[in-house]
PDB file of N, CA and C in Angstrom:
ATOM      1  N   MET A   1      34.043 -32.730  40.068  1.00  0.00           N
ATOM      2  CA  MET A   1      33.248 -33.935  39.986  1.00  0.00           C
ATOM      3  C   MET A   1      32.762 -34.142  38.560  1.00  0.00           C
ATOM      4  N   SER A   2      32.939 -35.302  38.071  1.00  0.00           N
ATOM      5  CA  SER A   2      32.425 -35.607  36.742  1.00  0.00           C
ATOM      6  C   SER A   2      31.171 -36.459  36.878  1.00  0.00           C
ATOM      7  N   PRO A   3      30.183 -36.219  36.000  1.00  0.00           N
ATOM      8  CA  PRO A   3      28.954 -37.003  36.073  1.00  0.00           C
ATOM      9  C   PRO A   3      29.192 -38.445  35.662  1.00  0.00           C
ATOM     10  N   ALA A   4      28.328 -39.315  36.112  1.00  0.00           N
ATOM     11  CA  ALA A   4      28.429 -40.734  35.766  1.00  0.00           C
ATOM     12  C   ALA A   4      28.231 -40.915  34.268  1.00  0.00           C
ATOM     13  N   ALA A   5      28.713 -42.018  33.753  1.00  0.00           N
ATOM     14  CA  ALA A   5      28.628 -42.275  32.316  1.00  0.00           C
ATOM     15  C   ALA A   5      27.174 -42.357  31.866  1.00  0.00           C
ATOM     16  N   GLY A   6      26.856 -41.607  30.801  1.00  0.00           N
ATOM     17  CA  GLY A   6      25.506 -41.643  30.248  1.00  0.00           C
ATOM     18  C   GLY A   6      24.496 -40.829  31.019  1.00  0.00           C
ATOM     19  N   GLN A   7      24.921 -40.101  32.031  1.00  0.00           N
ATOM     20  CA  GLN A   7      23.964 -39.372  32.856  1.00  0.00           C
ATOM     21  C   GLN A   7      23.738 -37.961  32.338  1.00  0.00           C
ATOM     22  N   ASN A   8      24.733 -37.350  31.732  1.00  0.00           N
ATOM     23  CA  ASN A   8      24.623 -35.965  31.308  1.00  0.00           C
ATOM     24  C   ASN A   8      24.840 -35.853  29.805  1.00  0.00           C
ATOM     25  N   HIS A   9      23.879 -36.292  29.023  1.00  0.00           N
ATOM     26  CA  HIS A   9      23.995 -36.181  27.582  1.00  0.00           C
ATOM     27  C   HIS A   9      23.018 -35.128  27.098  1.00  0.00           C
ATOM     28  N   SER A  10      23.442 -34.328  26.146  1.00  0.00           N
ATOM     29  CA  SER A  10      22.556 -33.295  25.627  1.00  0.00           C
ATOM     30  C   SER A  10      21.776 -33.857  24.440  1.00  0.00           C
ATOM     31  N   PRO A  11      20.594 -33.304  24.177  1.00  0.00           N
ATOM     32  CA  PRO A  11      19.793 -33.795  23.060  1.00  0.00           C
ATOM     33  C   PRO A  11      20.475 -33.507  21.727  1.00  0.00           C
ATOM     34  N   GLY A  12      20.170 -34.332  20.761  1.00  0.00           N
ATOM     35  CA  GLY A  12      20.764 -34.165  19.450  1.00  0.00           C
ATOM     36  C   GLY A  12      20.033 -33.117  18.631  1.00  0.00           C
ATOM     37  N   ALA A  13      20.546 -32.874  17.444  1.00  0.00           N
ATOM     38  CA  ALA A  13      19.958 -31.862  16.563  1.00  0.00           C
ATOM     39  C   ALA A  13      18.536 -32.243  16.156  1.00  0.00           C
ATOM     40  N   ARG A  14      18.275 -33.538  16.038  1.00  0.00           N
ATOM     41  CA  ARG A  14      16.932 -33.981  15.646  1.00  0.00           C
ATOM     42  C   ARG A  14      15.892 -33.561  16.683  1.00  0.00           C
ATOM     43  N   GLN A  15      16.228 -33.689  17.960  1.00  0.00           N
ATOM     44  CA  GLN A  15      15.283 -33.298  19.014  1.00  0.00           C
ATOM     45  C   GLN A  15      15.060 -31.789  19.022  1.00  0.00           C
ATOM     46  N   TYR A  16      16.113 -31.029  18.742  1.00  0.00           N
ATOM     47  CA  TYR A  16      15.953 -29.580  18.668  1.00  0.00           C
ATOM     48  C   TYR A  16      15.041 -29.176  17.512  1.00  0.00           C
ATOM     49  N   VAL A  17      15.208 -29.834  16.374  1.00  0.00           N
ATOM     50  CA  VAL A  17      14.382 -29.517  15.205  1.00  0.00           C
ATOM     51  C   VAL A  17      12.930 -29.908  15.465  1.00  0.00           C
ATOM     52  N   LEU A  18      12.711 -31.068  16.064  1.00  0.00           N
ATOM     53  CA  LEU A  18      11.343 -31.492  16.376  1.00  0.00           C
ATOM     54  C   LEU A  18      10.679 -30.542  17.371  1.00  0.00           C
ATOM     55  N   THR A  19      11.439 -30.070  18.340  1.00  0.00           N
ATOM     56  CA  THR A  19      10.893 -29.115  19.304  1.00  0.00           C
ATOM     57  C   THR A  19      10.567 -27.800  18.615  1.00  0.00           C
ATOM     58  N   TRP A  20      11.429 -27.363  17.727  1.00  0.00           N
ATOM     59  CA  TRP A  20      11.186 -26.133  16.986  1.00  0.00           C
ATOM     60  C   TRP A  20       9.923 -26.248  16.132  1.00  0.00           C
ATOM     61  N   VAL A  21       9.753 -27.394  15.479  1.00  0.00           N
ATOM     62  CA  VAL A  21       8.559 -27.615  14.663  1.00  0.00           C
ATOM     63  C   VAL A  21       7.315 -27.631  15.558  1.00  0.00           C
ATOM     64  N   ALA A  22       7.398 -28.272  16.716  1.00  0.00           N
ATOM     65  CA  ALA A  22       6.259 -28.295  17.640  1.00  0.00           C
ATOM     66  C   ALA A  22       5.921 -26.892  18.116  1.00  0.00           C
ATOM     67  N   LEU A  23       6.938 -26.080  18.397  1.00  0.00           N
ATOM     68  CA  LEU A  23       6.686 -24.701  18.809  1.00  0.00           C
ATOM     69  C   LEU A  23       6.032 -23.896  17.693  1.00  0.00           C
ATOM     70  N   LEU A  24       6.455 -24.122  16.458  1.00  0.00           N
ATOM     71  CA  LEU A  24       5.834 -23.430  15.327  1.00  0.00           C
ATOM     72  C   LEU A  24       4.381 -23.854  15.133  1.00  0.00           C
ATOM     73  N   VAL A  25       4.108 -25.147  15.291  1.00  0.00           N
ATOM     74  CA  VAL A  25       2.732 -25.631  15.162  1.00  0.00           C
ATOM     75  C   VAL A  25       1.860 -25.027  16.263  1.00  0.00           C
ATOM     76  N   LEU A  26       2.369 -24.997  17.482  1.00  0.00           N
ATOM     77  CA  LEU A  26       1.605 -24.390  18.575  1.00  0.00           C
ATOM     78  C   LEU A  26       1.399 -22.897  18.353  1.00  0.00           C
ATOM     79  N   LEU A  27       2.377 -22.228  17.758  1.00  0.00           N
ATOM     80  CA  LEU A  27       2.214 -20.817  17.417  1.00  0.00           C
ATOM     81  C   LEU A  27       1.104 -20.629  16.396  1.00  0.00           C
ATOM     82  N   LEU A  28       1.084 -21.471  15.379  1.00  0.00           N
ATOM     83  CA  LEU A  28       0.031 -21.383  14.366  1.00  0.00           C
ATOM     84  C   LEU A  28      -1.344 -21.672  14.956  1.00  0.00           C
ATOM     85  N   VAL A  29      -1.411 -22.623  15.872  1.00  0.00           N
ATOM     86  CA  VAL A  29      -2.689 -22.925  16.525  1.00  0.00           C
ATOM     87  C   VAL A  29      -3.144 -21.728  17.359  1.00  0.00           C
ATOM     88  N   ALA A  30      -2.214 -21.098  18.072  1.00  0.00           N
ATOM     89  CA  ALA A  30      -2.571 -19.937  18.893  1.00  0.00           C
ATOM     90  C   ALA A  30      -3.044 -18.778  18.019  1.00  0.00           C
ATOM     91  N   VAL A  31      -2.363 -18.542  16.902  1.00  0.00           N
ATOM     92  CA  VAL A  31      -2.786 -17.466  15.994  1.00  0.00           C
ATOM     93  C   VAL A  31      -4.129 -17.809  15.370  1.00  0.00           C
ATOM     94  N   GLY A  32      -4.322 -19.068  15.011  1.00  0.00           N
ATOM     95  CA  GLY A  32      -5.593 -19.487  14.422  1.00  0.00           C
ATOM     96  C   GLY A  32      -6.761 -19.339  15.379  1.00  0.00           C
ATOM     97  N   THR A  33      -6.546 -19.669  16.647  1.00  0.00           N
ATOM     98  CA  THR A  33      -7.637 -19.533  17.616  1.00  0.00           C
ATOM     99  C   THR A  33      -7.957 -18.083  17.922  1.00  0.00           C
ATOM    100  N   ALA A  34      -7.034 -17.175  17.653  1.00  0.00           N
ATOM    101  CA  ALA A  34      -7.305 -15.755  17.874  1.00  0.00           C
ATOM    102  C   ALA A  34      -8.345 -15.234  16.891  1.00  0.00           C
ATOM    103  N   TYR A  35      -8.462 -15.858  15.735  1.00  0.00           N
ATOM    104  CA  TYR A  35      -9.414 -15.416  14.720  1.00  0.00           C
ATOM    105  C   TYR A  35     -10.736 -16.169  14.774  1.00  0.00           C
ATOM    106  N   ILE A  36     -10.838 -17.169  15.632  1.00  0.00           N
ATOM    107  CA  ILE A  36     -12.086 -17.924  15.779  1.00  0.00           C
ATOM    108  C   ILE A  36     -12.802 -17.413  17.028  1.00  0.00           C
ATOM    109  N   PRO A  37     -14.054 -16.972  16.898  1.00  0.00           N
ATOM    110  CA  PRO A  37     -14.765 -16.459  18.074  1.00  0.00           C
ATOM    111  C   PRO A  37     -15.201 -17.599  19.012  1.00  0.00           C
ATOM    112  N   LEU A  38     -14.400 -17.853  20.031  1.00  0.00           N
ATOM    113  CA  LEU A  38     -14.698 -18.916  20.978  1.00  0.00           C
ATOM    114  C   LEU A  38     -15.190 -18.381  22.320  1.00  0.00           C
ATOM    115  N   GLY A  39     -15.258 -17.087  22.455  1.00  0.00           N
ATOM    116  CA  GLY A  39     -15.727 -16.499  23.710  1.00  0.00           C
ATOM    117  C   GLY A  39     -14.696 -16.634  24.813  1.00  0.00           C
ATOM    118  N   VAL A  40     -15.147 -17.056  25.976  1.00  0.00           N
ATOM    119  CA  VAL A  40     -14.285 -17.166  27.149  1.00  0.00           C
ATOM    120  C   VAL A  40     -13.276 -18.305  26.996  1.00  0.00           C
ATOM    121  N   VAL A  41     -13.609 -19.303  26.223  1.00  0.00           N
ATOM    122  CA  VAL A  41     -12.728 -20.461  26.042  1.00  0.00           C
ATOM    123  C   VAL A  41     -11.411 -20.056  25.368  1.00  0.00           C
ATOM    124  N   ASN A  42     -11.458 -18.985  24.576  1.00  0.00           N
ATOM    125  CA  ASN A  42     -10.282 -18.548  23.842  1.00  0.00           C
ATOM    126  C   ASN A  42      -9.117 -18.205  24.773  1.00  0.00           C
ATOM    127  N   VAL A  43      -9.396 -17.524  25.868  1.00  0.00           N
ATOM    128  CA  VAL A  43      -8.340 -17.139  26.801  1.00  0.00           C
ATOM    129  C   VAL A  43      -7.718 -18.378  27.448  1.00  0.00           C
ATOM    130  N   GLY A  44      -8.544 -19.285  27.925  1.00  0.00           N
ATOM    131  CA  GLY A  44      -8.038 -20.504  28.555  1.00  0.00           C
ATOM    132  C   GLY A  44      -7.256 -21.369  27.587  1.00  0.00           C
ATOM    133  N   LEU A  45      -7.732 -21.472  26.362  1.00  0.00           N
ATOM    134  CA  LEU A  45      -7.052 -22.274  25.350  1.00  0.00           C
ATOM    135  C   LEU A  45      -5.676 -21.697  25.029  1.00  0.00           C
ATOM    136  N   ASN A  46      -5.617 -20.390  24.842  1.00  0.00           N
ATOM    137  CA  ASN A  46      -4.328 -19.770  24.514  1.00  0.00           C
ATOM    138  C   ASN A  46      -3.376 -19.779  25.701  1.00  0.00           C
ATOM    139  N   LEU A  47      -3.884 -19.678  26.914  1.00  0.00           N
ATOM    140  CA  LEU A  47      -3.014 -19.816  28.083  1.00  0.00           C
ATOM    141  C   LEU A  47      -2.468 -21.235  28.189  1.00  0.00           C
ATOM    142  N   GLY A  48      -3.292 -22.219  27.883  1.00  0.00           N
ATOM    143  CA  GLY A  48      -2.834 -23.605  27.882  1.00  0.00           C
ATOM    144  C   GLY A  48      -1.753 -23.840  26.836  1.00  0.00           C
ATOM    145  N   ILE A  49      -1.939 -23.265  25.653  1.00  0.00           N
ATOM    146  CA  ILE A  49      -0.931 -23.387  24.604  1.00  0.00           C
ATOM    147  C   ILE A  49       0.374 -22.726  25.048  1.00  0.00           C
ATOM    148  N   ALA A  50       0.274 -21.573  25.701  1.00  0.00           N
ATOM    149  CA  ALA A  50       1.473 -20.875  26.174  1.00  0.00           C
ATOM    150  C   ALA A  50       2.210 -21.693  27.231  1.00  0.00           C
ATOM    151  N   VAL A  51       1.468 -22.360  28.102  1.00  0.00           N
ATOM    152  CA  VAL A  51       2.106 -23.201  29.123  1.00  0.00           C
ATOM    153  C   VAL A  51       2.827 -24.379  28.476  1.00  0.00           C
ATOM    154  N   VAL A  52       2.205 -24.991  27.490  1.00  0.00           N
ATOM    155  CA  VAL A  52       2.844 -26.121  26.795  1.00  0.00           C
ATOM    156  C   VAL A  52       4.123 -25.662  26.095  1.00  0.00           C
ATOM    157  N   LYS A  53       4.070 -24.486  25.456  1.00  0.00           N
ATOM    158  CA  LYS A  53       5.266 -23.972  24.794  1.00  0.00           C
ATOM    159  C   LYS A  53       6.366 -23.671  25.805  1.00  0.00           C
ATOM    160  N   ALA A  54       6.007 -23.092  26.938  1.00  0.00           N
ATOM    161  CA  ALA A  54       7.011 -22.798  27.967  1.00  0.00           C
ATOM    162  C   ALA A  54       7.629 -24.081  28.510  1.00  0.00           C
ATOM    163  N   LEU A  55       6.814 -25.108  28.722  1.00  0.00           N
ATOM    164  CA  LEU A  55       7.345 -26.380  29.206  1.00  0.00           C
ATOM    165  C   LEU A  55       8.274 -27.031  28.185  1.00  0.00           C
ATOM    166  N   LEU A  56       7.925 -26.937  26.909  1.00  0.00           N
ATOM    167  CA  LEU A  56       8.811 -27.471  25.869  1.00  0.00           C
ATOM    168  C   LEU A  56      10.162 -26.772  25.894  1.00  0.00           C
ATOM    169  N   VAL A  57      10.145 -25.466  25.998  1.00  0.00           N
ATOM    170  CA  VAL A  57      11.407 -24.713  26.032  1.00  0.00           C
ATOM    171  C   VAL A  57      12.211 -25.085  27.270  1.00  0.00           C
ATOM    172  N   MET A  58      11.536 -25.203  28.414  1.00  0.00           N
ATOM    173  CA  MET A  58      12.244 -25.516  29.644  1.00  0.00           C
ATOM    174  C   MET A  58      12.854 -26.917  29.606  1.00  0.00           C
ATOM    175  N   VAL A  59      12.112 -27.887  29.140  1.00  0.00           N
ATOM    176  CA  VAL A  59      12.601 -29.265  29.168  1.00  0.00           C
ATOM    177  C   VAL A  59      13.697 -29.497  28.127  1.00  0.00           C
ATOM    178  N   VAL A  60      13.514 -28.964  26.925  1.00  0.00           N
ATOM    179  CA  VAL A  60      14.468 -29.268  25.856  1.00  0.00           C
ATOM    180  C   VAL A  60      15.628 -28.283  25.829  1.00  0.00           C
ATOM    181  N   PHE A  61      15.331 -26.988  25.756  1.00  0.00           N
ATOM    182  CA  PHE A  61      16.405 -26.013  25.562  1.00  0.00           C
ATOM    183  C   PHE A  61      17.129 -25.667  26.858  1.00  0.00           C
ATOM    184  N   MET A  62      16.438 -25.736  27.999  1.00  0.00           N
ATOM    185  CA  MET A  62      17.104 -25.477  29.274  1.00  0.00           C
ATOM    186  C   MET A  62      17.616 -26.770  29.908  1.00  0.00           C
ATOM    187  N   HIS A  63      17.409 -27.903  29.251  1.00  0.00           N
ATOM    188  CA  HIS A  63      17.898 -29.219  29.672  1.00  0.00           C
ATOM    189  C   HIS A  63      17.393 -29.611  31.065  1.00  0.00           C
ATOM    190  N   LEU A  64      16.164 -29.242  31.399  1.00  0.00           N
ATOM    191  CA  LEU A  64      15.625 -29.621  32.699  1.00  0.00           C
ATOM    192  C   LEU A  64      15.269 -31.097  32.761  1.00  0.00           C
ATOM    193  N   GLY A  65      15.083 -31.715  31.630  1.00  0.00           N
ATOM    194  CA  GLY A  65      14.779 -33.143  31.614  1.00  0.00           C
ATOM    195  C   GLY A  65      15.928 -34.007  32.068  1.00  0.00           C
ATOM    196  N   ILE A  66      17.154 -33.505  31.933  1.00  0.00           N
ATOM    197  CA  ILE A  66      18.330 -34.303  32.291  1.00  0.00           C
ATOM    198  C   ILE A  66      19.155 -33.636  33.385  1.00  0.00           C
ATOM    199  N   SER A  67      18.617 -32.591  34.001  1.00  0.00           N
ATOM    200  CA  SER A  67      19.391 -31.869  35.013  1.00  0.00           C
ATOM    201  C   SER A  67      19.182 -32.462  36.400  1.00  0.00           C
ATOM    202  N   ARG A  68      19.954 -31.968  37.341  1.00  0.00           N
ATOM    203  CA  ARG A  68      19.861 -32.441  38.721  1.00  0.00           C
ATOM    204  C   ARG A  68      18.565 -31.960  39.365  1.00  0.00           C
ATOM    205  N   PRO A  69      18.095 -32.653  40.390  1.00  0.00           N
ATOM    206  CA  PRO A  69      16.832 -32.275  41.034  1.00  0.00           C
ATOM    207  C   PRO A  69      16.834 -30.867  41.627  1.00  0.00           C
ATOM    208  N   VAL A  70      17.972 -30.387  42.088  1.00  0.00           N
ATOM    209  CA  VAL A  70      17.996 -29.046  42.673  1.00  0.00           C
ATOM    210  C   VAL A  70      17.752 -27.979  41.603  1.00  0.00           C
ATOM    211  N   VAL A  71      18.196 -28.232  40.379  1.00  0.00           N
ATOM    212  CA  VAL A  71      17.946 -27.296  39.288  1.00  0.00           C
ATOM    213  C   VAL A  71      16.465 -27.321  38.919  1.00  0.00           C
ATOM    214  N   ARG A  72      15.884 -28.512  38.902  1.00  0.00           N
ATOM    215  CA  ARG A  72      14.445 -28.625  38.639  1.00  0.00           C
ATOM    216  C   ARG A  72      13.637 -27.919  39.719  1.00  0.00           C
ATOM    217  N   LEU A  73      14.061 -28.053  40.963  1.00  0.00           N
ATOM    218  CA  LEU A  73      13.379 -27.375  42.064  1.00  0.00           C
ATOM    219  C   LEU A  73      13.440 -25.862  41.900  1.00  0.00           C
ATOM    220  N   ALA A  74      14.579 -25.343  41.461  1.00  0.00           N
ATOM    221  CA  ALA A  74      14.701 -23.905  41.223  1.00  0.00           C
ATOM    222  C   ALA A  74      13.765 -23.452  40.104  1.00  0.00           C
ATOM    223  N   ALA A  75      13.622 -24.262  39.059  1.00  0.00           N
ATOM    224  CA  ALA A  75      12.716 -23.915  37.966  1.00  0.00           C
ATOM    225  C   ALA A  75      11.265 -23.934  38.430  1.00  0.00           C
ATOM    226  N   VAL A  76      10.900 -24.920  39.232  1.00  0.00           N
ATOM    227  CA  VAL A  76       9.530 -24.986  39.766  1.00  0.00           C
ATOM    228  C   VAL A  76       9.273 -23.803  40.692  1.00  0.00           C
ATOM    229  N   ALA A  77      10.264 -23.433  41.500  1.00  0.00           N
ATOM    230  CA  ALA A  77      10.108 -22.282  42.391  1.00  0.00           C
ATOM    231  C   ALA A  77       9.920 -21.001  41.582  1.00  0.00           C
ATOM    232  N   GLY A  78      10.633 -20.883  40.471  1.00  0.00           N
ATOM    233  CA  GLY A  78      10.457 -19.712  39.607  1.00  0.00           C
ATOM    234  C   GLY A  78       9.065 -19.653  39.006  1.00  0.00           C
ATOM    235  N   PHE A  79       8.541 -20.798  38.559  1.00  0.00           N
ATOM    236  CA  PHE A  79       7.184 -20.835  38.039  1.00  0.00           C
ATOM    237  C   PHE A  79       6.165 -20.510  39.130  1.00  0.00           C
ATOM    238  N   PHE A  80       6.392 -21.028  40.338  1.00  0.00           N
ATOM    239  CA  PHE A  80       5.497 -20.736  41.453  1.00  0.00           C
ATOM    240  C   PHE A  80       5.489 -19.243  41.760  1.00  0.00           C
ATOM    241  N   TRP A  81       6.654 -18.635  41.755  1.00  0.00           N
ATOM    242  CA  TRP A  81       6.767 -17.205  42.029  1.00  0.00           C
ATOM    243  C   TRP A  81       6.060 -16.391  40.941  1.00  0.00           C
ATOM    244  N   LEU A  82       6.238 -16.780  39.690  1.00  0.00           N
ATOM    245  CA  LEU A  82       5.568 -16.098  38.590  1.00  0.00           C
ATOM    246  C   LEU A  82       4.051 -16.226  38.709  1.00  0.00           C
ATOM    247  N   ALA A  83       3.566 -17.413  39.056  1.00  0.00           N
ATOM    248  CA  ALA A  83       2.132 -17.622  39.235  1.00  0.00           C
ATOM    249  C   ALA A  83       1.608 -16.762  40.382  1.00  0.00           C
ATOM    250  N   LEU A  84       2.363 -16.681  41.459  1.00  0.00           N
ATOM    251  CA  LEU A  84       1.955 -15.843  42.585  1.00  0.00           C
ATOM    252  C   LEU A  84       1.866 -14.380  42.176  1.00  0.00           C
ATOM    253  N   LEU A  85       2.812 -13.906  41.408  1.00  0.00           N
ATOM    254  CA  LEU A  85       2.775 -12.519  40.946  1.00  0.00           C
ATOM    255  C   LEU A  85       1.569 -12.272  40.038  1.00  0.00           C
ATOM    256  N   PHE A  86       1.273 -13.218  39.152  1.00  0.00           N
ATOM    257  CA  PHE A  86       0.096 -13.069  38.298  1.00  0.00           C
ATOM    258  C   PHE A  86      -1.186 -13.049  39.124  1.00  0.00           C
ATOM    259  N   ILE A  87      -1.283 -13.935  40.093  1.00  0.00           N
ATOM    260  CA  ILE A  87      -2.492 -14.001  40.929  1.00  0.00           C
ATOM    261  C   ILE A  87      -2.678 -12.707  41.712  1.00  0.00           C
ATOM    262  N   LEU A  88      -1.616 -12.207  42.297  1.00  0.00           N
ATOM    263  CA  LEU A  88      -1.720 -10.957  43.052  1.00  0.00           C
ATOM    264  C   LEU A  88      -2.067  -9.777  42.151  1.00  0.00           C
ATOM    265  N   THR A  89      -1.497  -9.742  40.960  1.00  0.00           N
ATOM    266  CA  THR A  89      -1.811  -8.664  40.023  1.00  0.00           C
ATOM    267  C   THR A  89      -3.267  -8.735  39.586  1.00  0.00           C
ATOM    268  N   LEU A  90      -3.738  -9.933  39.265  1.00  0.00           N
ATOM    269  CA  LEU A  90      -5.140 -10.076  38.860  1.00  0.00           C
ATOM    270  C   LEU A  90      -6.088  -9.780  40.006  1.00  0.00           C
ATOM    271  N   ALA A  91      -5.721 -10.146  41.226  1.00  0.00           N
ATOM    272  CA  ALA A  91      -6.566  -9.835  42.387  1.00  0.00           C
ATOM    273  C   ALA A  91      -6.668  -8.330  42.577  1.00  0.00           C
ATOM    274  N   GLU A  92      -5.587  -7.624  42.392  1.00  0.00           N
ATOM    275  CA  GLU A  92      -5.603  -6.168  42.527  1.00  0.00           C
ATOM    276  C   GLU A  92      -6.434  -5.552  41.413  1.00  0.00           C
ATOM    277  N   TYR A  93      -6.333  -6.098  40.217  1.00  0.00           N
ATOM    278  CA  TYR A  93      -7.088  -5.569  39.083  1.00  0.00           C
ATOM    279  C   TYR A  93      -8.584  -5.798  39.252  1.00  0.00           C
ATOM    280  N   VAL A  94      -8.962  -6.953  39.766  1.00  0.00           N
ATOM    281  CA  VAL A  94     -10.374  -7.276  39.934  1.00  0.00           C
ATOM    282  C   VAL A  94     -11.025  -6.420  41.010  1.00  0.00           C
ATOM    283  N   THR A  95     -10.271  -6.038  42.031  1.00  0.00           N
ATOM    284  CA  THR A  95     -10.866  -5.258  43.121  1.00  0.00           C
ATOM    285  C   THR A  95     -11.045  -3.786  42.773  1.00  0.00           C
ATOM    286  N   ARG A  96     -10.566  -3.330  41.654  1.00  0.00           N
ATOM    287  CA  ARG A  96     -10.750  -1.919  41.277  1.00  0.00           C
ATOM    288  C   ARG A  96     -12.110  -1.690  40.707  1.00  0.00           C
TER     289      ARG A  96
END
């Protein structure tokens, strides 16, 4: 089966470079916030930055923005499974 015309196009080099620059900027922001004493906000801020970076990688480099819905569903299921593992690990850690 071949995809319909214009349905399966990969991003150009410009989009890859822009994504790379955005990832570098987010990396610098994360490193910068590590040196600023923000207290409890620091953890939430850096987790938010990490989620944004992961979403950028998934959408651009894994081509989830232009993939079929079943592939997107598999990616969401993987994120759900990872979140469940983190929650269970943190729950076990907190109860000690």
